[in-house]
PDB file of N, CA and C in Angstrom:
ATOM      1  N   MET A   1      36.978  63.587  11.986  1.00  0.00           N
ATOM      2  CA  MET A   1      35.311  63.459  12.522  1.00  0.00           C
ATOM      3  C   MET A   1      35.193  62.653  11.404  1.00  0.00           C
ATOM      4  N   GLY A   2      35.787  62.570   9.880  1.00  0.00           N
ATOM      5  CA  GLY A   2      35.304  61.832   9.000  1.00  0.00           C
ATOM      6  C   GLY A   2      35.802  60.601   9.268  1.00  0.00           C
ATOM      7  N   ASN A   3      36.685  60.345   9.844  1.00  0.00           N
ATOM      8  CA  ASN A   3      37.684  58.983  10.009  1.00  0.00           C
ATOM      9  C   ASN A   3      36.522  58.161  11.284  1.00  0.00           C
ATOM     10  N   GLY A   4      35.951  58.789  12.069  1.00  0.00           N
ATOM     11  CA  GLY A   4      35.175  58.015  12.912  1.00  0.00           C
ATOM     12  C   GLY A   4      33.896  57.914  12.570  1.00  0.00           C
ATOM     13  N   HIS A   5      33.869  58.505  11.947  1.00  0.00           N
ATOM     14  CA  HIS A   5      32.027  58.299  11.223  1.00  0.00           C
ATOM     15  C   HIS A   5      32.423  57.094   9.832  1.00  0.00           C
ATOM     16  N   GLY A   6      33.222  57.065   9.000  1.00  0.00           N
ATOM     17  CA  GLY A   6      33.464  55.857   8.179  1.00  0.00           C
ATOM     18  C   GLY A   6      33.529  54.716   8.879  1.00  0.00           C
ATOM     19  N   ASN A   7      34.060  54.601  10.720  1.00  0.00           N
ATOM     20  CA  ASN A   7      34.142  53.624  11.465  1.00  0.00           C
ATOM     21  C   ASN A   7      32.844  52.996  11.520  1.00  0.00           C
ATOM     22  N   ARG A   8      32.161  53.855  12.316  1.00  0.00           N
ATOM     23  CA  ARG A   8      30.793  53.422  12.237  1.00  0.00           C
ATOM     24  C   ARG A   8      30.039  52.964  11.205  1.00  0.00           C
ATOM     25  N   GLN A   9      30.210  53.485  10.135  1.00  0.00           N
ATOM     26  CA  GLN A   9      29.388  52.907   8.709  1.00  0.00           C
ATOM     27  C   GLN A   9      30.339  51.783   8.587  1.00  0.00           C
ATOM     28  N   ALA A  10      31.292  50.990   8.548  1.00  0.00           N
ATOM     29  CA  ALA A  10      32.271  49.622   8.587  1.00  0.00           C
ATOM     30  C   ALA A  10      31.431  48.934   9.428  1.00  0.00           C
ATOM     31  N   GLU A  11      31.317  49.531  10.972  1.00  0.00           N
ATOM     32  CA  GLU A  11      31.124  48.370  12.142  1.00  0.00           C
ATOM     33  C   GLU A  11      29.766  48.100  11.561  1.00  0.00           C
ATOM     34  N   ALA A  12      28.697  48.850  11.242  1.00  0.00           N
ATOM     35  CA  ALA A  12      27.186  48.840  10.649  1.00  0.00           C
ATOM     36  C   ALA A  12      26.979  47.737   9.714  1.00  0.00           C
ATOM     37  N   ALA A  13      27.826  47.696   8.592  1.00  0.00           N
ATOM     38  CA  ALA A  13      27.895  46.955   7.600  1.00  0.00           C
ATOM     39  C   ALA A  13      28.060  45.690   8.332  1.00  0.00           C
ATOM     40  N   GLN A  14      29.406  45.467   8.842  1.00  0.00           N
ATOM     41  CA  GLN A  14      29.560  44.123   9.418  1.00  0.00           C
ATOM     42  C   GLN A  14      28.613  43.970  10.330  1.00  0.00           C
ATOM     43  N   ILE A  15      27.892  44.468  11.252  1.00  0.00           N
ATOM     44  CA  ILE A  15      27.061  43.741  12.193  1.00  0.00           C
ATOM     45  C   ILE A  15      25.747  43.388  10.891  1.00  0.00           C
ATOM     46  N   MET A  16      25.683  44.231  10.182  1.00  0.00           N
ATOM     47  CA  MET A  16      23.819  43.934   9.318  1.00  0.00           C
ATOM     48  C   MET A  16      24.562  42.507   8.300  1.00  0.00           C
ATOM     49  N   SER A  17      25.987  42.338   8.163  1.00  0.00           N
ATOM     50  CA  SER A  17      26.410  41.240   7.387  1.00  0.00           C
ATOM     51  C   SER A  17      26.327  40.002   8.437  1.00  0.00           C
ATOM     52  N   VAL A  18      26.426  40.507  10.014  1.00  0.00           N
ATOM     53  CA  VAL A  18      26.655  39.296  10.601  1.00  0.00           C
ATOM     54  C   VAL A  18      24.827  38.912  10.590  1.00  0.00           C
ATOM     55  N   GLY A  19      23.942  39.744  10.652  1.00  0.00           N
ATOM     56  CA  GLY A  19      22.129  39.620  11.010  1.00  0.00           C
ATOM     57  C   GLY A  19      21.812  39.132   9.712  1.00  0.00           C
ATOM     58  N   GLN A  20      22.563  39.247   9.080  1.00  0.00           N
ATOM     59  CA  GLN A  20      22.135  38.829   7.682  1.00  0.00           C
ATOM     60  C   GLN A  20      22.342  37.451   7.541  1.00  0.00           C
ATOM     61  N   LYS A  21      23.374  36.944   7.808  1.00  0.00           N
ATOM     62  CA  LYS A  21      23.948  35.843   7.544  1.00  0.00           C
ATOM     63  C   LYS A  21      23.183  34.649   9.040  1.00  0.00           C
ATOM     64  N   TRP A  22      22.940  35.193   9.529  1.00  0.00           N
ATOM     65  CA  TRP A  22      22.330  34.724  10.786  1.00  0.00           C
ATOM     66  C   TRP A  22      20.667  34.212   9.895  1.00  0.00           C
ATOM     67  N   LEU A  23      20.066  35.698   9.791  1.00  0.00           N
ATOM     68  CA  LEU A  23      18.953  35.739   9.065  1.00  0.00           C
ATOM     69  C   LEU A  23      19.026  34.341   7.853  1.00  0.00           C
ATOM     70  N   MET A  24      19.768  34.430   7.362  1.00  0.00           N
ATOM     71  CA  MET A  24      19.677  33.668   6.052  1.00  0.00           C
ATOM     72  C   MET A  24      20.001  32.152   6.486  1.00  0.00           C
ATOM     73  N   GLY A  25      21.071  31.696   7.351  1.00  0.00           N
ATOM     74  CA  GLY A  25      21.019  30.772   7.906  1.00  0.00           C
ATOM     75  C   GLY A  25      19.709  29.960   8.858  1.00  0.00           C
ATOM     76  N   SER A  26      19.034  30.884   9.156  1.00  0.00           N
ATOM     77  CA  SER A  26      17.802  29.966   9.888  1.00  0.00           C
ATOM     78  C   SER A  26      16.759  30.040   9.228  1.00  0.00           C
ATOM     79  N   ALA A  27      16.761  30.919   7.903  1.00  0.00           N
ATOM     80  CA  ALA A  27      15.676  30.613   6.566  1.00  0.00           C
ATOM     81  C   ALA A  27      16.370  29.080   6.181  1.00  0.00           C
ATOM     82  N   ALA A  28      17.420  28.851   5.991  1.00  0.00           N
ATOM     83  CA  ALA A  28      17.742  27.620   5.062  1.00  0.00           C
ATOM     84  C   ALA A  28      17.386  26.560   5.917  1.00  0.00           C
ATOM     85  N   ILE A  29      17.726  26.571   7.546  1.00  0.00           N
ATOM     86  CA  ILE A  29      17.189  25.476   8.316  1.00  0.00           C
ATOM     87  C   ILE A  29      15.728  25.484   8.148  1.00  0.00           C
ATOM     88  N   GLY A  30      15.402  26.151   8.441  1.00  0.00           N
ATOM     89  CA  GLY A  30      13.601  26.162   8.267  1.00  0.00           C
ATOM     90  C   GLY A  30      13.033  25.399   6.166  1.00  0.00           C
ATOM     91  N   LEU A  31      13.580  25.902   6.115  1.00  0.00           N
ATOM     92  CA  LEU A  31      13.376  25.453   4.671  1.00  0.00           C
ATOM     93  C   LEU A  31      13.565  23.861   4.677  1.00  0.00           C
ATOM     94  N   LEU A  32      14.967  23.922   4.899  1.00  0.00           N
ATOM     95  CA  LEU A  32      15.094  22.444   4.932  1.00  0.00           C
ATOM     96  C   LEU A  32      14.405  21.604   6.003  1.00  0.00           C
ATOM     97  N   SER A  33      14.207  21.911   6.997  1.00  0.00           N
ATOM     98  CA  SER A  33      12.987  21.274   7.990  1.00  0.00           C
ATOM     99  C   SER A  33      11.928  21.295   7.057  1.00  0.00           C
ATOM    100  N   LEU A  34      11.096  22.256   6.274  1.00  0.00           N
ATOM    101  CA  LEU A  34      10.233  22.282   5.959  1.00  0.00           C
ATOM    102  C   LEU A  34      10.229  21.285   4.368  1.00  0.00           C
ATOM    103  N   PHE A  35      11.158  21.248   3.752  1.00  0.00           N
ATOM    104  CA  PHE A  35      11.322  19.825   3.240  1.00  0.00           C
ATOM    105  C   PHE A  35      11.155  18.641   3.372  1.00  0.00           C
ATOM    106  N   LEU A  36      12.346  18.114   4.543  1.00  0.00           N
ATOM    107  CA  LEU A  36      12.217  17.103   4.733  1.00  0.00           C
ATOM    108  C   LEU A  36      10.619  16.508   5.521  1.00  0.00           C
ATOM    109  N   LEU A  37      10.131  17.139   6.071  1.00  0.00           N
ATOM    110  CA  LEU A  37       8.719  17.470   6.783  1.00  0.00           C
ATOM    111  C   LEU A  37       7.849  17.008   5.238  1.00  0.00           C
ATOM    112  N   SER A  38       7.792  17.770   4.313  1.00  0.00           N
ATOM    113  CA  SER A  38       7.321  17.212   3.195  1.00  0.00           C
ATOM    114  C   SER A  38       7.486  15.817   2.426  1.00  0.00           C
ATOM    115  N   ILE A  39       8.671  15.278   2.770  1.00  0.00           N
ATOM    116  CA  ILE A  39       9.003  13.982   2.403  1.00  0.00           C
ATOM    117  C   ILE A  39       8.942  13.090   3.346  1.00  0.00           C
ATOM    118  N   PHE A  40       9.212  13.492   4.513  1.00  0.00           N
ATOM    119  CA  PHE A  40       8.812  12.103   5.721  1.00  0.00           C
ATOM    120  C   PHE A  40       8.068  12.152   6.614  1.00  0.00           C
ATOM    121  N   GLY A  41       7.558  12.990   6.869  1.00  0.00           N
ATOM    122  CA  GLY A  41       6.341  13.398   7.851  1.00  0.00           C
ATOM    123  C   GLY A  41       5.184  12.398   7.898  1.00  0.00           C
ATOM    124  N   ASP A  42       4.409  12.642   8.639  1.00  0.00           N
ATOM    125  CA  ASP A  42       3.193  11.626   8.644  1.00  0.00           C
ATOM    126  C   ASP A  42       2.447  11.727   7.410  1.00  0.00           C
ATOM    127  N   HIS A  43       2.174  12.820   6.757  1.00  0.00           N
ATOM    128  CA  HIS A  43       0.871  12.909   5.288  1.00  0.00           C
ATOM    129  C   HIS A  43       2.495  13.461   4.360  1.00  0.00           C
ATOM    130  N   GLY A  44       3.566  12.834   4.021  1.00  0.00           N
ATOM    131  CA  GLY A  44       4.168  13.636   3.408  1.00  0.00           C
ATOM    132  C   GLY A  44       4.538  12.605   2.343  1.00  0.00           C
ATOM    133  N   LEU A  45       5.005  13.068   1.182  1.00  0.00           N
ATOM    134  CA  LEU A  45       5.374  12.203   0.228  1.00  0.00           C
ATOM    135  C   LEU A  45       5.641  10.615  -0.094  1.00  0.00           C
ATOM    136  N   MET A  46       6.687  10.169   0.949  1.00  0.00           N
ATOM    137  CA  MET A  46       6.775   8.835   1.363  1.00  0.00           C
ATOM    138  C   MET A  46       5.414   8.326   2.033  1.00  0.00           C
ATOM    139  N   GLU A  47       4.550   9.085   2.883  1.00  0.00           N
ATOM    140  CA  GLU A  47       3.455   8.667   3.144  1.00  0.00           C
ATOM    141  C   GLU A  47       2.343   7.888   1.826  1.00  0.00           C
ATOM    142  N   VAL A  48       2.623   9.352   0.824  1.00  0.00           N
ATOM    143  CA  VAL A  48       1.813   9.163  -0.514  1.00  0.00           C
ATOM    144  C   VAL A  48       2.328   7.643  -0.881  1.00  0.00           C
ATOM    145  N   TYR A  49       3.528   7.983  -1.322  1.00  0.00           N
ATOM    146  CA  TYR A  49       3.927   6.359  -2.012  1.00  0.00           C
ATOM    147  C   TYR A  49       3.555   5.463  -1.252  1.00  0.00           C
ATOM    148  N   ARG A  50       3.479   5.185  -0.399  1.00  0.00           N
ATOM    149  CA  ARG A  50       3.323   3.997   0.268  1.00  0.00           C
ATOM    150  C   ARG A  50       1.663   3.905   0.220  1.00  0.00           C
ATOM    151  N   LEU A  51       0.153   4.463   0.439  1.00  0.00           N
ATOM    152  CA  LEU A  51      -0.426   4.781   0.652  1.00  0.00           C
ATOM    153  C   LEU A  51      -0.898   3.874  -0.936  1.00  0.00           C
ATOM    154  N   ARG A  52      -0.306   4.627  -2.252  1.00  0.00           N
ATOM    155  CA  ARG A  52      -0.719   4.187  -3.551  1.00  0.00           C
ATOM    156  C   ARG A  52      -0.617   2.795  -3.803  1.00  0.00           C
ATOM    157  N   ASP A  53       0.804   2.376  -3.178  1.00  0.00           N
ATOM    158  CA  ASP A  53       1.252   1.138  -3.003  1.00  0.00           C
ATOM    159  C   ASP A  53       0.125   0.166  -2.366  1.00  0.00           C
ATOM    160  N   ARG A  54      -0.328   0.339  -1.622  1.00  0.00           N
ATOM    161  CA  ARG A  54      -1.014  -0.276  -1.022  1.00  0.00           C
ATOM    162  C   ARG A  54      -3.109  -0.025  -1.682  1.00  0.00           C
ATOM    163  N   GLN A  55      -2.920   0.879  -1.984  1.00  0.00           N
ATOM    164  CA  GLN A  55      -4.087   0.922  -3.036  1.00  0.00           C
ATOM    165  C   GLN A  55      -4.513  -0.015  -4.157  1.00  0.00           C
ATOM    166  N   GLN A  56      -2.961   0.203  -4.953  1.00  0.00           N
ATOM    167  CA  GLN A  56      -2.975  -0.837  -6.421  1.00  0.00           C
ATOM    168  C   GLN A  56      -2.839  -1.984  -5.726  1.00  0.00           C
ATOM    169  N   SER A  57      -2.094  -2.368  -4.455  1.00  0.00           N
ATOM    170  CA  SER A  57      -2.577  -3.613  -3.684  1.00  0.00           C
ATOM    171  C   SER A  57      -3.962  -4.414  -3.801  1.00  0.00           C
ATOM    172  N   LEU A  58      -4.712  -3.463  -2.633  1.00  0.00           N
ATOM    173  CA  LEU A  58      -5.929  -3.326  -2.344  1.00  0.00           C
ATOM    174  C   LEU A  58      -6.826  -3.646  -3.959  1.00  0.00           C
ATOM    175  N   ALA A  59      -6.843  -2.839  -4.485  1.00  0.00           N
ATOM    176  CA  ALA A  59      -7.700  -3.229  -5.700  1.00  0.00           C
ATOM    177  C   ALA A  59      -7.099  -4.352  -6.017  1.00  0.00           C
ATOM    178  N   ALA A  60      -5.916  -4.881  -6.714  1.00  0.00           N
ATOM    179  CA  ALA A  60      -5.673  -6.295  -7.047  1.00  0.00           C
ATOM    180  C   ALA A  60      -6.536  -7.599  -6.284  1.00  0.00           C
ATOM    181  N   GLY A  61      -6.340  -7.206  -5.084  1.00  0.00           N
ATOM    182  CA  GLY A  61      -7.261  -7.864  -4.090  1.00  0.00           C
ATOM    183  C   GLY A  61      -8.853  -8.096  -4.242  1.00  0.00           C
ATOM    184  N   ASN A  62      -9.310  -7.149  -4.644  1.00  0.00           N
ATOM    185  CA  ASN A  62     -10.530  -6.764  -4.891  1.00  0.00           C
ATOM    186  C   ASN A  62     -10.930  -7.374  -6.036  1.00  0.00           C
ATOM    187  N   GLN A  63      -9.875  -7.746  -6.986  1.00  0.00           N
ATOM    188  CA  GLN A  63     -10.157  -8.043  -8.516  1.00  0.00           C
ATOM    189  C   GLN A  63     -10.090  -9.717  -8.111  1.00  0.00           C
ATOM    190  N   ALA A  64      -9.236 -10.088  -7.468  1.00  0.00           N
ATOM    191  CA  ALA A  64      -9.191 -11.546  -7.471  1.00  0.00           C
ATOM    192  C   ALA A  64     -10.661 -12.123  -6.418  1.00  0.00           C
ATOM    193  N   LEU A  65     -10.849 -10.995  -5.608  1.00  0.00           N
ATOM    194  CA  LEU A  65     -11.954 -11.582  -4.739  1.00  0.00           C
ATOM    195  C   LEU A  65     -13.591 -11.733  -5.869  1.00  0.00           C
ATOM    196  N   ALA A  66     -13.527 -10.354  -7.138  1.00  0.00           N
ATOM    197  CA  ALA A  66     -14.578 -10.723  -7.630  1.00  0.00           C
ATOM    198  C   ALA A  66     -14.553 -11.945  -8.604  1.00  0.00           C
ATOM    199  N   ARG A  67     -13.598 -12.189  -8.963  1.00  0.00           N
ATOM    200  CA  ARG A  67     -13.482 -13.367  -9.787  1.00  0.00           C
ATOM    201  C   ARG A  67     -14.055 -14.863  -8.953  1.00  0.00           C
ATOM    202  N   GLU A  68     -13.459 -14.820  -7.846  1.00  0.00           N
ATOM    203  CA  GLU A  68     -13.583 -15.687  -7.197  1.00  0.00           C
ATOM    204  C   GLU A  68     -15.348 -15.802  -6.806  1.00  0.00           C
ATOM    205  N   ASN A  69     -15.849 -14.705  -6.239  1.00  0.00           N
ATOM    206  CA  ASN A  69     -17.466 -14.195  -6.587  1.00  0.00           C
ATOM    207  C   ASN A  69     -17.963 -14.835  -7.538  1.00  0.00           C
ATOM    208  N   LEU A  70     -17.400 -14.464  -8.797  1.00  0.00           N
ATOM    209  CA  LEU A  70     -18.386 -14.749  -9.964  1.00  0.00           C
ATOM    210  C   LEU A  70     -18.299 -16.400 -10.204  1.00  0.00           C
ATOM    211  N   ARG A  71     -17.059 -17.023 -10.042  1.00  0.00           N
ATOM    212  CA  ARG A  71     -17.249 -18.435  -9.787  1.00  0.00           C
ATOM    213  C   ARG A  71     -17.669 -19.325  -9.299  1.00  0.00           C
ATOM    214  N   LEU A  72     -18.072 -18.625  -7.951  1.00  0.00           N
ATOM    215  CA  LEU A  72     -18.996 -19.320  -7.036  1.00  0.00           C
ATOM    216  C   LEU A  72     -20.342 -19.282  -7.626  1.00  0.00           C
ATOM    217  N   TYR A  73     -21.065 -17.943  -7.707  1.00  0.00           N
ATOM    218  CA  TYR A  73     -21.997 -17.501  -8.154  1.00  0.00           C
ATOM    219  C   TYR A  73     -22.428 -18.520  -9.523  1.00  0.00           C
ATOM    220  N   ARG A  74     -21.610 -19.032 -10.378  1.00  0.00           N
ATOM    221  CA  ARG A  74     -22.064 -19.967 -11.559  1.00  0.00           C
ATOM    222  C   ARG A  74     -22.095 -21.058 -10.994  1.00  0.00           C
ATOM    223  N   ASN A  75     -21.214 -21.479  -9.938  1.00  0.00           N
ATOM    224  CA  ASN A  75     -21.570 -22.821  -9.036  1.00  0.00           C
ATOM    225  C   ASN A  75     -22.732 -22.850  -8.736  1.00  0.00           C
ATOM    226  N   ILE A  76     -23.308 -21.697  -7.981  1.00  0.00           N
ATOM    227  CA  ILE A  76     -24.553 -21.794  -7.409  1.00  0.00           C
ATOM    228  C   ILE A  76     -25.408 -22.275  -8.276  1.00  0.00           C
ATOM    229  N   GLU A  77     -25.582 -21.278  -9.206  1.00  0.00           N
ATOM    230  CA  GLU A  77     -26.394 -22.015 -10.474  1.00  0.00           C
ATOM    231  C   GLU A  77     -26.145 -23.204 -10.734  1.00  0.00           C
ATOM    232  N   ARG A  78     -25.468 -23.786 -11.154  1.00  0.00           N
ATOM    233  CA  ARG A  78     -25.530 -25.130 -11.880  1.00  0.00           C
ATOM    234  C   ARG A  78     -25.599 -25.945 -10.522  1.00  0.00           C
ATOM    235  N   LEU A  79     -25.820 -25.732  -9.563  1.00  0.00           N
ATOM    236  CA  LEU A  79     -25.954 -27.000  -8.051  1.00  0.00           C
ATOM    237  C   LEU A  79     -27.666 -26.402  -8.344  1.00  0.00           C
ATOM    238  N   ASN A  80     -28.195 -25.674  -8.510  1.00  0.00           N
ATOM    239  CA  ASN A  80     -29.529 -25.248  -8.752  1.00  0.00           C
ATOM    240  C   ASN A  80     -30.182 -25.976  -9.745  1.00  0.00           C
ATOM    241  N   ARG A  81     -29.757 -25.739 -11.121  1.00  0.00           N
ATOM    242  CA  ARG A  81     -29.909 -26.522 -11.856  1.00  0.00           C
ATOM    243  C   ARG A  81     -29.232 -27.460 -13.012  1.00  0.00           C
ATOM    244  N   ASP A  82     -28.600 -27.995 -12.670  1.00  0.00           N
ATOM    245  CA  ASP A  82     -27.374 -29.251 -13.447  1.00  0.00           C
ATOM    246  C   ASP A  82     -27.219 -30.749 -12.401  1.00  0.00           C
ATOM    247  N   PRO A  83     -28.479 -31.496 -12.600  1.00  0.00           N
ATOM    248  CA  PRO A  83     -28.320 -32.584 -11.508  1.00  0.00           C
ATOM    249  C   PRO A  83     -26.594 -33.401 -11.930  1.00  0.00           C
ATOM    250  N   ALA A  84     -26.277 -33.287 -13.664  1.00  0.00           N
ATOM    251  CA  ALA A  84     -25.242 -33.734 -13.400  1.00  0.00           C
ATOM    252  C   ALA A  84     -23.711 -33.022 -12.557  1.00  0.00           C
ATOM    253  N   PHE A  85     -23.880 -31.822 -12.216  1.00  0.00           N
ATOM    254  CA  PHE A  85     -22.981 -31.108 -11.445  1.00  0.00           C
ATOM    255  C   PHE A  85     -22.896 -31.194 -10.134  1.00  0.00           C
ATOM    256  N   ILE A  86     -24.539 -31.901 -10.003  1.00  0.00           N
ATOM    257  CA  ILE A  86     -24.738 -31.978  -8.436  1.00  0.00           C
ATOM    258  C   ILE A  86     -24.102 -33.379  -8.016  1.00  0.00           C
ATOM    259  N   GLU A  87     -24.091 -34.600  -9.071  1.00  0.00           N
ATOM    260  CA  GLU A  87     -23.325 -35.490  -9.005  1.00  0.00           C
ATOM    261  C   GLU A  87     -21.820 -35.363  -9.020  1.00  0.00           C
ATOM    262  N   SER A  88     -21.750 -34.741 -10.049  1.00  0.00           N
ATOM    263  CA  SER A  88     -19.834 -34.428  -9.733  1.00  0.00           C
ATOM    264  C   SER A  88     -19.744 -34.166  -9.076  1.00  0.00           C
ATOM    265  N   VAL A  89     -20.187 -33.397  -8.225  1.00  0.00           N
ATOM    266  CA  VAL A  89     -19.697 -32.262  -6.655  1.00  0.00           C
ATOM    267  C   VAL A  89     -20.250 -33.452  -5.514  1.00  0.00           C
ATOM    268  N   ALA A  90     -20.477 -34.331  -5.976  1.00  0.00           N
ATOM    269  CA  ALA A  90     -20.820 -34.883  -4.432  1.00  0.00           C
ATOM    270  C   ALA A  90     -20.007 -36.087  -5.101  1.00  0.00           C
ATOM    271  N   ARG A  91     -19.523 -37.045  -6.055  1.00  0.00           N
ATOM    272  CA  ARG A  91     -18.738 -37.685  -6.338  1.00  0.00           C
ATOM    273  C   ARG A  91     -17.380 -37.237  -5.591  1.00  0.00           C
ATOM    274  N   ASN A  92     -16.735 -36.062  -6.405  1.00  0.00           N
ATOM    275  CA  ASN A  92     -15.523 -35.895  -6.623  1.00  0.00           C
ATOM    276  C   ASN A  92     -15.132 -34.995  -4.836  1.00  0.00           C
ATOM    277  N   GLU A  93     -15.446 -34.455  -4.346  1.00  0.00           N
ATOM    278  CA  GLU A  93     -15.482 -33.547  -3.577  1.00  0.00           C
ATOM    279  C   GLU A  93     -16.097 -34.070  -2.174  1.00  0.00           C
ATOM    280  N   LEU A  94     -17.291 -34.912  -2.138  1.00  0.00           N
ATOM    281  CA  LEU A  94     -17.795 -35.380  -0.922  1.00  0.00           C
ATOM    282  C   LEU A  94     -17.465 -37.033  -0.588  1.00  0.00           C
ATOM    283  N   GLY A  95     -16.786 -37.881  -1.601  1.00  0.00           N
ATOM    284  CA  GLY A  95     -16.167 -39.079  -1.946  1.00  0.00           C
ATOM    285  C   GLY A  95     -18.286 -39.996  -1.863  1.00  0.00           C
ATOM    286  N   MET A  96     -19.025 -39.679  -2.346  1.00  0.00           N
ATOM    287  CA  MET A  96     -19.952 -40.114  -2.175  1.00  0.00           C
ATOM    288  C   MET A  96     -19.958 -41.129  -3.281  1.00  0.00           C
ATOM    289  N   VAL A  97     -20.953 -42.408  -3.566  1.00  0.00           N
ATOM    290  CA  VAL A  97     -21.158 -43.111  -4.396  1.00  0.00           C
ATOM    291  C   VAL A  97     -22.470 -43.173  -5.097  1.00  0.00           C
ATOM    292  N   GLY A  98     -22.925 -43.680  -5.659  1.00  0.00           N
ATOM    293  CA  GLY A  98     -23.965 -43.746  -6.817  1.00  0.00           C
ATOM    294  C   GLY A  98     -23.899 -45.293  -6.400  1.00  0.00           C
ATOM    295  N   ALA A  99     -25.657 -45.389  -6.459  1.00  0.00           N
ATOM    296  CA  ALA A  99     -26.873 -46.232  -6.226  1.00  0.00           C
ATOM    297  C   ALA A  99     -26.045 -47.598  -7.748  1.00  0.00           C
ATOM    298  N   GLY A 100     -25.587 -48.829  -7.541  1.00  0.00           N
ATOM    299  CA  GLY A 100     -25.185 -49.575  -7.819  1.00  0.00           C
ATOM    300  C   GLY A 100     -23.572 -49.529  -8.380  1.00  0.00           C
ATOM    301  N   ASP A 101     -22.895 -48.542  -7.916  1.00  0.00           N
ATOM    302  CA  ASP A 101     -21.710 -48.337  -8.072  1.00  0.00           C
ATOM    303  C   ASP A 101     -20.994 -49.645  -7.317  1.00  0.00           C
ATOM    304  N   ILE A 102     -19.835 -49.973  -7.990  1.00  0.00           N
ATOM    305  CA  ILE A 102     -19.401 -51.138  -7.081  1.00  0.00           C
ATOM    306  C   ILE A 102     -17.697 -50.123  -6.523  1.00  0.00           C
ATOM    307  N   ILE A 103     -17.852 -50.705  -5.354  1.00  0.00           N
ATOM    308  CA  ILE A 103     -16.419 -50.068  -4.174  1.00  0.00           C
ATOM    309  C   ILE A 103     -15.840 -51.129  -4.235  1.00  0.00           C
ATOM    310  N   LEU A 104     -14.779 -50.809  -5.110  1.00  0.00           N
ATOM    311  CA  LEU A 104     -13.533 -51.894  -4.615  1.00  0.00           C
ATOM    312  C   LEU A 104     -12.449 -51.491  -3.388  1.00  0.00           C
ATOM    313  N   LEU A 105     -12.271 -52.169  -2.307  1.00  0.00           N
ATOM    314  CA  LEU A 105     -11.254 -52.166  -1.320  1.00  0.00           C
ATOM    315  C   LEU A 105     -10.226 -52.388  -1.692  1.00  0.00           C
ATOM    316  N   PRO A 106      -8.886 -51.751  -1.616  1.00  0.00           N
ATOM    317  CA  PRO A 106      -7.446 -52.433  -1.149  1.00  0.00           C
ATOM    318  C   PRO A 106      -7.391 -53.230  -0.613  1.00  0.00           C
ATOM    319  N   SER A 107      -6.537 -54.500  -1.177  1.00  0.00           N
ATOM    320  CA  SER A 107      -6.299 -55.659  -0.674  1.00  0.00           C
ATOM    321  C   SER A 107      -4.964 -55.383   0.910  1.00  0.00           C
ATOM    322  N   VAL A 108      -5.555 -55.858   1.963  1.00  0.00           N
ATOM    323  CA  VAL A 108      -4.643 -56.115   2.917  1.00  0.00           C
ATOM    324  C   VAL A 108      -3.535 -56.647   2.793  1.00  0.00           C
ATOM    325  N   GLU A 109      -2.122 -56.443   2.709  1.00  0.00           N
ATOM    326  CA  GLU A 109      -1.285 -57.195   3.226  1.00  0.00           C
ATOM    327  C   GLU A 109      -1.002 -57.987   4.480  1.00  0.00           C
ATOM    328  N   ARG A 110      -0.539 -58.936   4.987  1.00  0.00           N
ATOM    329  CA  ARG A 110      -0.450 -59.580   6.275  1.00  0.00           C
ATOM    330  C   ARG A 110       0.918 -59.761   6.354  1.00  0.00           C
TER     331      ARG A 110
END
């Protein structure tokens, strides 16, 4: 009778071992899935890195726009106060000529 009782304990230990292996395997798969989701999921680590790069790019763009706004603001101020600057813009950007300027046209070869 002692021998039968020993076999039952061995079988129980073997069954528990299989159950424990299954549980450990399931836990490992679950943890691996969680790990992969935390890296590659919608709000995972890769998304955080992408958003950080995008934020840095937008910040650089904002700085460039701020510099351009300052340049334009200074040009507006000069256009409101500086007649020489107005004349310079009219001549260089608009192709205007002043009174008394002599216009030279290129000769046309025939």
